[in-house]
Protein backbone atom coordinates (compact mmCIF):
# COMPACT_ATOMS: atom_id res chain seq x y z
CA MET A 1 13.44 -38.01 67.17
CA GLU A 2 12.03 -34.84 65.72
CA VAL A 3 13.11 -32.75 62.75
CA GLN A 4 14.62 -29.41 63.80
CA THR A 5 16.49 -26.56 62.18
CA CYS A 6 20.15 -26.15 63.14
CA SER A 7 20.55 -22.98 65.20
CA LYS A 8 23.91 -22.28 63.56
CA CYS A 9 23.57 -23.06 59.84
CA GLY A 10 19.82 -23.48 59.32
CA ARG A 11 19.92 -27.06 57.96
CA LEU A 12 17.21 -29.56 58.89
CA PHE A 13 18.31 -32.54 60.97
CA ASN A 14 16.91 -35.21 63.30
CA TRP A 15 17.25 -33.92 66.86
CA VAL A 16 17.25 -36.52 69.64
CA GLY A 17 15.91 -34.08 72.23
CA ILE A 18 19.13 -33.69 74.21
CA GLY A 19 21.82 -31.04 73.85
CA PRO A 20 22.02 -27.99 71.61
CA MET A 21 20.02 -27.82 68.40
CA LEU A 22 23.03 -28.27 66.14
CA CYS A 23 23.23 -30.49 63.09
CA PRO A 24 25.95 -33.18 63.13
CA MET A 25 28.26 -31.09 60.92
CA CYS A 26 28.03 -27.99 63.16
CA LYS A 27 28.38 -30.15 66.28
CA ASP A 28 31.59 -31.68 64.85
CA GLN A 29 32.92 -28.19 64.00
CA GLU A 30 32.15 -27.01 67.54
CA GLU A 31 33.90 -30.06 69.02
CA ASP A 32 36.96 -29.41 66.82
CA THR A 33 37.03 -25.80 68.06
CA PHE A 34 36.76 -27.07 71.64
CA LYS A 35 39.76 -29.37 71.12
CA LYS A 36 41.80 -26.44 69.72
CA VAL A 37 40.88 -24.27 72.72
CA LYS A 38 41.71 -27.03 75.20
CA GLU A 39 45.09 -27.71 73.58
CA TYR A 40 45.88 -23.99 73.37
CA LEU A 41 45.10 -23.51 77.07
CA TRP A 42 47.23 -26.52 77.92
CA ASP A 43 50.20 -25.10 76.00
CA ASN A 44 49.66 -21.43 77.06
CA LYS A 45 48.77 -21.49 80.77
CA GLY A 46 48.28 -17.73 81.25
CA ALA A 47 46.36 -17.05 78.02
CA ALA A 48 43.60 -14.42 78.15
CA MET A 49 40.17 -14.93 76.62
CA ALA A 50 40.79 -12.49 73.74
CA GLU A 51 43.98 -14.35 72.83
CA VAL A 52 42.19 -17.73 72.82
CA ILE A 53 39.34 -16.33 70.69
CA GLU A 54 41.82 -14.92 68.17
CA LYS A 55 44.06 -18.01 67.95
CA CYS A 56 41.38 -20.73 68.05
CA GLY A 57 38.39 -19.14 66.33
CA ALA A 58 36.01 -19.77 69.23
CA THR A 59 33.39 -17.28 70.36
CA GLU A 60 33.18 -15.79 73.85
CA LYS A 61 29.76 -17.42 74.26
CA GLN A 62 31.20 -20.87 73.46
CA ILE A 63 34.09 -20.41 75.89
CA LYS A 64 31.78 -19.27 78.70
CA GLN A 65 29.52 -22.27 78.06
CA TRP A 66 32.51 -24.64 78.30
CA LEU A 67 33.55 -22.92 81.54
CA ARG A 68 30.01 -23.44 82.95
CA GLU A 69 30.14 -27.10 81.91
CA GLN A 70 33.60 -27.40 83.55
CA ARG A 71 35.08 -28.69 80.31
CA ILE A 72 37.85 -26.07 80.39
CA GLU A 73 39.37 -23.77 82.98
CA PHE A 74 41.61 -20.73 82.60
CA SER A 75 44.48 -20.18 85.02
CA LYS A 76 44.05 -17.67 87.84
CA GLU A 77 46.71 -15.45 86.23
CA SER A 78 44.60 -14.98 83.09
CA GLY A 79 41.88 -13.16 85.04
CA VAL A 80 39.10 -14.97 83.14
CA THR A 81 36.12 -15.64 85.41
CA ILE A 82 32.39 -16.25 85.25
CA ASP A 83 29.82 -15.40 87.92
CA CYS A 84 28.39 -17.80 90.48
CA GLU A 85 24.75 -18.38 89.51
CA ARG A 86 23.62 -17.99 93.11
CA CYS A 87 25.57 -15.07 94.60
CA GLY A 88 27.40 -13.52 91.63
CA LYS A 89 30.92 -14.04 93.03
CA PRO A 90 33.61 -14.55 90.32
CA ILE A 91 34.57 -18.21 89.81
CA LEU A 92 36.94 -20.00 87.41
CA SER A 93 34.48 -22.65 86.21
CA GLY A 94 31.23 -24.40 87.06
CA LYS A 95 27.95 -22.89 88.19
CA LEU A 96 28.46 -22.25 91.91
CA CYS A 97 31.24 -20.90 94.10
CA THR A 98 32.59 -23.08 96.92
CA GLU A 99 30.54 -21.33 99.61
CA CYS A 100 27.25 -21.60 97.70
CA ARG A 101 27.96 -25.25 96.84
CA LYS A 102 28.57 -26.06 100.52
CA GLN A 103 25.46 -24.15 101.57
CA MET A 104 23.36 -25.92 98.94
CA GLU A 105 24.70 -29.32 100.05
CA ALA A 106 23.77 -28.48 103.65
CA GLU A 107 20.29 -27.41 102.56
CA LEU A 108 19.76 -30.62 100.58
CA LYS A 109 21.03 -32.72 103.47
CA ALA A 110 18.67 -30.92 105.87
CA LEU A 111 15.75 -31.44 103.47
CA SER A 112 16.49 -35.14 103.16
CA THR A 113 16.60 -35.58 106.96
CA GLY A 114 13.58 -33.35 107.57
CA GLU A 115 15.46 -30.61 109.44
CA GLU A 116 14.83 -26.90 108.92
CA LEU A 117 17.66 -24.54 108.14
CA PRO A 118 17.73 -21.01 109.54
CA VAL A 119 20.00 -19.93 106.67
CA LYS A 120 18.42 -17.43 104.30
CA LYS A 121 19.19 -17.73 100.58
CA LYS A 122 21.26 -14.92 99.13
CA ILE A 123 19.49 -13.11 96.30
CA ARG A 124 21.53 -11.19 93.78
CA ASP A 125 20.34 -7.64 93.27
CA HIS A 126 19.62 -8.07 89.56
CA ASP A 127 17.42 -11.15 90.27
CA ARG A 128 14.92 -9.14 92.33
CA MET A 129 11.53 -8.08 91.01
CA ARG A 130 11.21 -4.44 90.01
CA PHE A 131 8.11 -2.25 90.17
CA LEU A 132 7.43 0.90 88.18
CA LYS A 133 6.08 3.88 90.10
CA GLN A 134 3.05 5.56 88.58
């Protein structure tokens, strides 16, 4: 364990090296907020992100993190999506869309068996290296 400063309130606490750098009090507050959001989404199936933020006191950053972690999911009608980390396609939760997940599974399977895949990885435009002209 090492002593760290809480990223939310600035208090010192013993950090175990896993998870966000939040003191126990802030972590409990965040978990309470998560429970409110989860219950609100359960009771209000078509709720939009702005509505959830207003009613539950969560931040957009927190909600997007919970979507990435697949702890919550908005309904399709709400229009709330996040981007696939590989191709940028809108998804409801998680890190990868179905196509990218299947492609990654195939690549891992091919690597474990020693096969080569002719499939080229998709690169999102904003992930490419840029050069300045002089």
